[in-house]
């Protein structure tokens, strides 16, 4: 569902520029910022890089790009 909202022109222009750099549309860039901001507010101990890594990992898992983790049998090393 999409809902029209009124946004500051400077924010939209900034999203357009940032979005171009990472191949996102302006609305998708604003959605990305909103997602990262929501996660950051709920988890202030996470860095931006950590949040982006978590989002990337979640997307990879949803796409079936999983690699099984193998535990080392010899834990005395």
PDB file of N, CA and C in Angstrom:
ATOM      1  N   UNK A   1       0.842  -1.178   0.000  1.00  0.00           N
ATOM      2  CA  UNK A   1       0.000   0.000   0.000  1.00  0.00           C
ATOM      3  C   UNK A   1       0.886   1.241   0.000  1.00  0.00           C
ATOM      4  N   UNK A   2       0.574   2.162  -0.840  1.00  0.00           N
ATOM      5  CA  UNK A   2       1.323   3.415  -0.855  1.00  0.00           C
ATOM      6  C   UNK A   2       0.408   4.531  -0.344  1.00  0.00           C
ATOM      7  N   UNK A   3       1.036   5.455   0.343  1.00  0.00           N
ATOM      8  CA  UNK A   3       0.317   6.594   0.906  1.00  0.00           C
ATOM      9  C   UNK A   3       1.077   7.856   0.550  1.00  0.00           C
ATOM     10  N   UNK A   4       0.415   8.803  -0.092  1.00  0.00           N
ATOM     11  CA  UNK A   4       1.118  10.042  -0.409  1.00  0.00           C
ATOM     12  C   UNK A   4       1.447  10.813   0.871  1.00  0.00           C
ATOM     13  N   UNK A   5       2.662  11.338   0.915  1.00  0.00           N
ATOM     14  CA  UNK A   5       3.088  12.157   2.055  1.00  0.00           C
ATOM     15  C   UNK A   5       3.792  13.396   1.530  1.00  0.00           C
ATOM     16  N   UNK A   6       3.754  14.463   2.294  1.00  0.00           N
ATOM     17  CA  UNK A   6       4.445  15.694   1.924  1.00  0.00           C
ATOM     18  C   UNK A   6       5.814  15.671   2.597  1.00  0.00           C
ATOM     19  N   UNK A   7       6.865  15.755   1.793  1.00  0.00           N
ATOM     20  CA  UNK A   7       8.232  15.735   2.297  1.00  0.00           C
ATOM     21  C   UNK A   7       8.946  17.020   1.911  1.00  0.00           C
ATOM     22  N   UNK A   8       9.883  17.409   2.731  1.00  0.00           N
ATOM     23  CA  UNK A   8      10.706  18.571   2.463  1.00  0.00           C
ATOM     24  C   UNK A   8      11.480  18.378   1.152  1.00  0.00           C
ATOM     25  N   UNK A   9      11.527  19.400   0.327  1.00  0.00           N
ATOM     26  CA  UNK A   9      12.214  19.300  -0.962  1.00  0.00           C
ATOM     27  C   UNK A   9      13.685  18.942  -0.809  1.00  0.00           C
ATOM     28  N   UNK A  10      14.331  19.453   0.221  1.00  0.00           N
ATOM     29  CA  UNK A  10      15.752  19.153   0.439  1.00  0.00           C
ATOM     30  C   UNK A  10      15.953  17.667   0.735  1.00  0.00           C
ATOM     31  N   UNK A  11      15.042  17.066   1.499  1.00  0.00           N
ATOM     32  CA  UNK A  11      15.127  15.634   1.792  1.00  0.00           C
ATOM     33  C   UNK A  11      14.963  14.816   0.519  1.00  0.00           C
ATOM     34  N   UNK A  12      13.985  15.178  -0.292  1.00  0.00           N
ATOM     35  CA  UNK A  12      13.733  14.452  -1.539  1.00  0.00           C
ATOM     36  C   UNK A  12      14.932  14.575  -2.480  1.00  0.00           C
ATOM     37  N   UNK A  13      15.497  15.752  -2.586  1.00  0.00           N
ATOM     38  CA  UNK A  13      16.657  15.954  -3.455  1.00  0.00           C
ATOM     39  C   UNK A  13      17.858  15.159  -2.943  1.00  0.00           C
ATOM     40  N   UNK A  14      18.066  15.169  -1.648  1.00  0.00           N
ATOM     41  CA  UNK A  14      19.158  14.393  -1.065  1.00  0.00           C
ATOM     42  C   UNK A  14      18.954  12.904  -1.323  1.00  0.00           C
ATOM     43  N   UNK A  15      17.722  12.422  -1.166  1.00  0.00           N
ATOM     44  CA  UNK A  15      17.416  11.010  -1.435  1.00  0.00           C
ATOM     45  C   UNK A  15      17.640  10.674  -2.905  1.00  0.00           C
ATOM     46  N   UNK A  16      17.330  11.609  -3.793  1.00  0.00           N
ATOM     47  CA  UNK A  16      17.551  11.378  -5.225  1.00  0.00           C
ATOM     48  C   UNK A  16      19.031  11.188  -5.508  1.00  0.00           C
ATOM     49  N   UNK A  17      19.859  12.049  -4.918  1.00  0.00           N
ATOM     50  CA  UNK A  17      21.308  11.992  -5.143  1.00  0.00           C
ATOM     51  C   UNK A  17      21.894  10.715  -4.540  1.00  0.00           C
ATOM     52  N   UNK A  18      21.580  10.435  -3.269  1.00  0.00           N
ATOM     53  CA  UNK A  18      22.078   9.217  -2.621  1.00  0.00           C
ATOM     54  C   UNK A  18      21.567   7.975  -3.345  1.00  0.00           C
ATOM     55  N   UNK A  19      20.300   8.010  -3.732  1.00  0.00           N
ATOM     56  CA  UNK A  19      19.701   6.873  -4.432  1.00  0.00           C
ATOM     57  C   UNK A  19      20.391   6.576  -5.751  1.00  0.00           C
ATOM     58  N   UNK A  20      20.729   7.612  -6.496  1.00  0.00           N
ATOM     59  CA  UNK A  20      21.446   7.407  -7.760  1.00  0.00           C
ATOM     60  C   UNK A  20      22.763   6.695  -7.523  1.00  0.00           C
ATOM     61  N   UNK A  21      23.456   7.073  -6.463  1.00  0.00           N
ATOM     62  CA  UNK A  21      24.770   6.497  -6.178  1.00  0.00           C
ATOM     63  C   UNK A  21      24.700   5.002  -5.891  1.00  0.00           C
ATOM     64  N   UNK A  22      23.576   4.549  -5.333  1.00  0.00           N
ATOM     65  CA  UNK A  22      23.444   3.133  -4.976  1.00  0.00           C
ATOM     66  C   UNK A  22      22.367   2.429  -5.806  1.00  0.00           C
ATOM     67  N   UNK A  23      21.974   3.057  -6.903  1.00  0.00           N
ATOM     68  CA  UNK A  23      21.027   2.477  -7.864  1.00  0.00           C
ATOM     69  C   UNK A  23      19.658   2.193  -7.249  1.00  0.00           C
ATOM     70  N   UNK A  24      19.169   3.140  -6.452  1.00  0.00           N
ATOM     71  CA  UNK A  24      17.820   3.060  -5.899  1.00  0.00           C
ATOM     72  C   UNK A  24      17.015   4.238  -6.418  1.00  0.00           C
ATOM     73  N   UNK A  25      15.719   4.035  -6.555  1.00  0.00           N
ATOM     74  CA  UNK A  25      14.841   5.154  -6.886  1.00  0.00           C
ATOM     75  C   UNK A  25      14.755   6.068  -5.656  1.00  0.00           C
ATOM     76  N   UNK A  26      14.277   7.276  -5.867  1.00  0.00           N
ATOM     77  CA  UNK A  26      14.132   8.211  -4.752  1.00  0.00           C
ATOM     78  C   UNK A  26      13.218   7.638  -3.662  1.00  0.00           C
ATOM     79  N   UNK A  27      12.039   7.098  -4.017  1.00  0.00           N
ATOM     80  CA  UNK A  27      11.200   6.520  -2.960  1.00  0.00           C
ATOM     81  C   UNK A  27      11.872   5.343  -2.239  1.00  0.00           C
ATOM     82  N   UNK A  28      12.588   4.503  -2.969  1.00  0.00           N
ATOM     83  CA  UNK A  28      13.272   3.365  -2.332  1.00  0.00           C
ATOM     84  C   UNK A  28      14.390   3.843  -1.407  1.00  0.00           C
ATOM     85  N   UNK A  29      15.059   4.941  -1.766  1.00  0.00           N
ATOM     86  CA  UNK A  29      16.097   5.482  -0.886  1.00  0.00           C
ATOM     87  C   UNK A  29      15.476   6.003   0.407  1.00  0.00           C
ATOM     88  N   UNK A  30      14.340   6.680   0.298  1.00  0.00           N
ATOM     89  CA  UNK A  30      13.652   7.171   1.495  1.00  0.00           C
ATOM     90  C   UNK A  30      13.180   5.996   2.344  1.00  0.00           C
ATOM     91  N   UNK A  31      12.667   4.940   1.711  1.00  0.00           N
ATOM     92  CA  UNK A  31      12.270   3.740   2.453  1.00  0.00           C
ATOM     93  C   UNK A  31      13.475   3.126   3.169  1.00  0.00           C
ATOM     94  N   UNK A  32      14.620   3.092   2.489  1.00  0.00           N
ATOM     95  CA  UNK A  32      15.838   2.542   3.091  1.00  0.00           C
ATOM     96  C   UNK A  32      16.211   3.355   4.330  1.00  0.00           C
ATOM     97  N   UNK A  33      16.232   4.672   4.203  1.00  0.00           N
ATOM     98  CA  UNK A  33      16.566   5.521   5.349  1.00  0.00           C
ATOM     99  C   UNK A  33      15.575   5.303   6.491  1.00  0.00           C
ATOM    100  N   UNK A  34      14.299   5.158   6.174  1.00  0.00           N
ATOM    101  CA  UNK A  34      13.292   4.947   7.217  1.00  0.00           C
ATOM    102  C   UNK A  34      13.516   3.608   7.914  1.00  0.00           C
ATOM    103  N   UNK A  35      13.848   2.575   7.149  1.00  0.00           N
ATOM    104  CA  UNK A  35      14.109   1.254   7.726  1.00  0.00           C
ATOM    105  C   UNK A  35      15.322   1.294   8.635  1.00  0.00           C
ATOM    106  N   UNK A  36      16.413   1.886   8.142  1.00  0.00           N
ATOM    107  CA  UNK A  36      17.638   1.979   8.946  1.00  0.00           C
ATOM    108  C   UNK A  36      17.370   2.812  10.201  1.00  0.00           C
ATOM    109  N   UNK A  37      16.657   3.900  10.069  1.00  0.00           N
ATOM    110  CA  UNK A  37      16.342   4.752  11.212  1.00  0.00           C
ATOM    111  C   UNK A  37      15.494   4.041  12.248  1.00  0.00           C
ATOM    112  N   UNK A  38      14.517   3.271  11.789  1.00  0.00           N
ATOM    113  CA  UNK A  38      13.659   2.523  12.718  1.00  0.00           C
ATOM    114  C   UNK A  38      14.480   1.492  13.492  1.00  0.00           C
ATOM    115  N   UNK A  39      15.369   0.779  12.802  1.00  0.00           N
ATOM    116  CA  UNK A  39      16.230  -0.211  13.462  1.00  0.00           C
ATOM    117  C   UNK A  39      17.187   0.489  14.423  1.00  0.00           C
ATOM    118  N   UNK A  40      17.763   1.611  14.001  1.00  0.00           N
ATOM    119  CA  UNK A  40      18.711   2.350  14.849  1.00  0.00           C
ATOM    120  C   UNK A  40      18.041   2.858  16.124  1.00  0.00           C
ATOM    121  N   UNK A  41      16.818   3.331  16.027  1.00  0.00           N
ATOM    122  CA  UNK A  41      16.114   3.806  17.224  1.00  0.00           C
ATOM    123  C   UNK A  41      15.830   2.664  18.192  1.00  0.00           C
ATOM    124  N   UNK A  42      15.508   1.497  17.664  1.00  0.00           N
ATOM    125  CA  UNK A  42      15.215   0.345  18.517  1.00  0.00           C
ATOM    126  C   UNK A  42      16.481  -0.309  19.066  1.00  0.00           C
ATOM    127  N   UNK A  43      17.607  -0.094  18.388  1.00  0.00           N
ATOM    128  CA  UNK A  43      18.879  -0.736  18.754  1.00  0.00           C
ATOM    129  C   UNK A  43      20.010   0.280  18.693  1.00  0.00           C
ATOM    130  N   UNK A  44      20.064   1.235  19.610  1.00  0.00           N
ATOM    131  CA  UNK A  44      21.064   2.308  19.530  1.00  0.00           C
ATOM    132  C   UNK A  44      22.509   1.830  19.615  1.00  0.00           C
ATOM    133  N   UNK A  45      22.724   0.604  20.053  1.00  0.00           N
ATOM    134  CA  UNK A  45      24.087   0.076  20.150  1.00  0.00           C
ATOM    135  C   UNK A  45      24.628  -0.396  18.796  1.00  0.00           C
ATOM    136  N   UNK A  46      23.780  -0.502  17.788  1.00  0.00           N
ATOM    137  CA  UNK A  46      24.213  -0.970  16.467  1.00  0.00           C
ATOM    138  C   UNK A  46      24.734   0.206  15.634  1.00  0.00           C
ATOM    139  N   UNK A  47      25.839  -0.013  14.954  1.00  0.00           N
ATOM    140  CA  UNK A  47      26.357   0.998  14.025  1.00  0.00           C
ATOM    141  C   UNK A  47      25.580   0.918  12.714  1.00  0.00           C
ATOM    142  N   UNK A  48      25.729   1.946  11.902  1.00  0.00           N
ATOM    143  CA  UNK A  48      25.098   1.937  10.575  1.00  0.00           C
ATOM    144  C   UNK A  48      25.579   0.730   9.782  1.00  0.00           C
ATOM    145  N   UNK A  49      26.882   0.470   9.803  1.00  0.00           N
ATOM    146  CA  UNK A  49      27.440  -0.662   9.053  1.00  0.00           C
ATOM    147  C   UNK A  49      26.843  -1.987   9.522  1.00  0.00           C
ATOM    148  N   UNK A  50      26.645  -2.125  10.823  1.00  0.00           N
ATOM    149  CA  UNK A  50      26.053  -3.346  11.368  1.00  0.00           C
ATOM    150  C   UNK A  50      24.609  -3.498  10.889  1.00  0.00           C
ATOM    151  N   UNK A  51      23.857  -2.423  10.910  1.00  0.00           N
ATOM    152  CA  UNK A  51      22.461  -2.476  10.471  1.00  0.00           C
ATOM    153  C   UNK A  51      22.375  -2.855   8.999  1.00  0.00           C
ATOM    154  N   UNK A  52      23.193  -2.249   8.170  1.00  0.00           N
ATOM    155  CA  UNK A  52      23.176  -2.558   6.742  1.00  0.00           C
ATOM    156  C   UNK A  52      23.585  -4.015   6.512  1.00  0.00           C
ATOM    157  N   UNK A  53      24.570  -4.483   7.265  1.00  0.00           N
ATOM    158  CA  UNK A  53      24.997  -5.883   7.151  1.00  0.00           C
ATOM    159  C   UNK A  53      23.871  -6.829   7.545  1.00  0.00           C
ATOM    160  N   UNK A  54      23.146  -6.504   8.602  1.00  0.00           N
ATOM    161  CA  UNK A  54      22.018  -7.333   9.015  1.00  0.00           C
ATOM    162  C   UNK A  54      20.916  -7.351   7.949  1.00  0.00           C
ATOM    163  N   UNK A  55      20.632  -6.202   7.363  1.00  0.00           N
ATOM    164  CA  UNK A  55      19.623  -6.137   6.303  1.00  0.00           C
ATOM    165  C   UNK A  55      20.060  -6.945   5.085  1.00  0.00           C
ATOM    166  N   UNK A  56      21.348  -6.861   4.744  1.00  0.00           N
ATOM    167  CA  UNK A  56      21.872  -7.629   3.613  1.00  0.00           C
ATOM    168  C   UNK A  56      21.771  -9.127   3.897  1.00  0.00           C
ATOM    169  N   UNK A  57      22.125  -9.524   5.112  1.00  0.00           N
ATOM    170  CA  UNK A  57      22.049 -10.937   5.490  1.00  0.00           C
ATOM    171  C   UNK A  57      20.612 -11.443   5.423  1.00  0.00           C
ATOM    172  N   UNK A  58      19.683 -10.634   5.890  1.00  0.00           N
ATOM    173  CA  UNK A  58      18.272 -11.020   5.844  1.00  0.00           C
ATOM    174  C   UNK A  58      17.805 -11.201   4.396  1.00  0.00           C
ATOM    175  N   UNK A  59      18.228 -10.304   3.511  1.00  0.00           N
ATOM    176  CA  UNK A  59      17.858 -10.407   2.097  1.00  0.00           C
ATOM    177  C   UNK A  59      18.475 -11.651   1.455  1.00  0.00           C
ATOM    178  N   UNK A  60      19.737 -11.938   1.804  1.00  0.00           N
ATOM    179  CA  UNK A  60      20.393 -13.135   1.268  1.00  0.00           C
ATOM    180  C   UNK A  60      19.668 -14.400   1.732  1.00  0.00           C
ATOM    181  N   UNK A  61      19.280 -14.442   2.994  1.00  0.00           N
ATOM    182  CA  UNK A  61      18.560 -15.604   3.519  1.00  0.00           C
ATOM    183  C   UNK A  61      17.212 -15.763   2.815  1.00  0.00           C
ATOM    184  N   UNK A  62      16.504 -14.652   2.599  1.00  0.00           N
ATOM    185  CA  UNK A  62      15.213 -14.707   1.915  1.00  0.00           C
ATOM    186  C   UNK A  62      15.359 -15.198   0.481  1.00  0.00           C
ATOM    187  N   UNK A  63      16.530 -14.934  -0.121  1.00  0.00           N
ATOM    188  CA  UNK A  63      16.788 -15.366  -1.501  1.00  0.00           C
ATOM    189  C   UNK A  63      17.349 -16.785  -1.554  1.00  0.00           C
ATOM    190  N   UNK A  64      17.501 -17.429  -0.393  1.00  0.00           N
ATOM    191  CA  UNK A  64      18.021 -18.786  -0.361  1.00  0.00           C
ATOM    192  C   UNK A  64      19.528 -18.882  -0.470  1.00  0.00           C
ATOM    193  N   UNK A  65      20.202 -17.755  -0.306  1.00  0.00           N
ATOM    194  CA  UNK A  65      21.671 -17.717  -0.394  1.00  0.00           C
ATOM    195  C   UNK A  65      22.274 -18.010   0.973  1.00  0.00           C
ATOM    196  N   UNK A  66      22.096 -19.227   1.434  1.00  0.00           N
ATOM    197  CA  UNK A  66      22.580 -19.618   2.752  1.00  0.00           C
ATOM    198  C   UNK A  66      23.731 -20.606   2.621  1.00  0.00           C
ATOM    199  N   UNK A  67      24.669 -20.506   3.522  1.00  0.00           N
ATOM    200  CA  UNK A  67      25.788 -21.438   3.577  1.00  0.00           C
ATOM    201  C   UNK A  67      25.777 -22.065   4.967  1.00  0.00           C
ATOM    202  N   UNK A  68      25.745 -23.407   5.040  1.00  0.00           N
ATOM    203  CA  UNK A  68      25.739 -24.024   6.362  1.00  0.00           C
ATOM    204  C   UNK A  68      27.042 -23.748   7.108  1.00  0.00           C
ATOM    205  N   UNK A  69      26.919 -23.556   8.403  1.00  0.00           N
ATOM    206  CA  UNK A  69      28.092 -23.332   9.238  1.00  0.00           C
ATOM    207  C   UNK A  69      28.535 -24.676   9.789  1.00  0.00           C
ATOM    208  N   UNK A  70      29.822 -24.956   9.683  1.00  0.00           N
ATOM    209  CA  UNK A  70      30.374 -26.201  10.202  1.00  0.00           C
ATOM    210  C   UNK A  70      31.185 -25.897  11.446  1.00  0.00           C
ATOM    211  N   UNK A  71      30.804 -26.543  12.542  1.00  0.00           N
ATOM    212  CA  UNK A  71      31.535 -26.360  13.782  1.00  0.00           C
ATOM    213  C   UNK A  71      32.795 -27.220  13.757  1.00  0.00           C
ATOM    214  N   UNK A  72      33.852 -26.688  14.307  1.00  0.00           N
ATOM    215  CA  UNK A  72      35.113 -27.416  14.416  1.00  0.00           C
ATOM    216  C   UNK A  72      34.963 -28.444  15.525  1.00  0.00           C
ATOM    217  N   UNK A  73      35.265 -29.732  15.215  1.00  0.00           N
ATOM    218  CA  UNK A  73      35.134 -30.787  16.221  1.00  0.00           C
ATOM    219  C   UNK A  73      36.169 -30.650  17.324  1.00  0.00           C
ATOM    220  N   UNK A  74      37.314 -30.090  17.020  1.00  0.00           N
ATOM    221  CA  UNK A  74      38.387 -29.982  18.007  1.00  0.00           C
ATOM    222  C   UNK A  74      38.330 -28.591  18.630  1.00  0.00           C
ATOM    223  N   UNK A  75      37.692 -28.489  19.784  1.00  0.00           N
ATOM    224  CA  UNK A  75      37.560 -27.196  20.447  1.00  0.00           C
ATOM    225  C   UNK A  75      38.732 -26.874  21.371  1.00  0.00           C
ATOM    226  N   UNK A  76      39.758 -27.728  21.399  1.00  0.00           N
ATOM    227  CA  UNK A  76      40.895 -27.493  22.287  1.00  0.00           C
ATOM    228  C   UNK A  76      41.974 -26.649  21.630  1.00  0.00           C
ATOM    229  N   UNK A  77      41.834 -26.310  20.396  1.00  0.00           N
ATOM    230  CA  UNK A  77      42.855 -25.513  19.716  1.00  0.00           C
ATOM    231  C   UNK A  77      42.916 -24.126  20.205  1.00  0.00           C
TER     232      UNK A  77
END
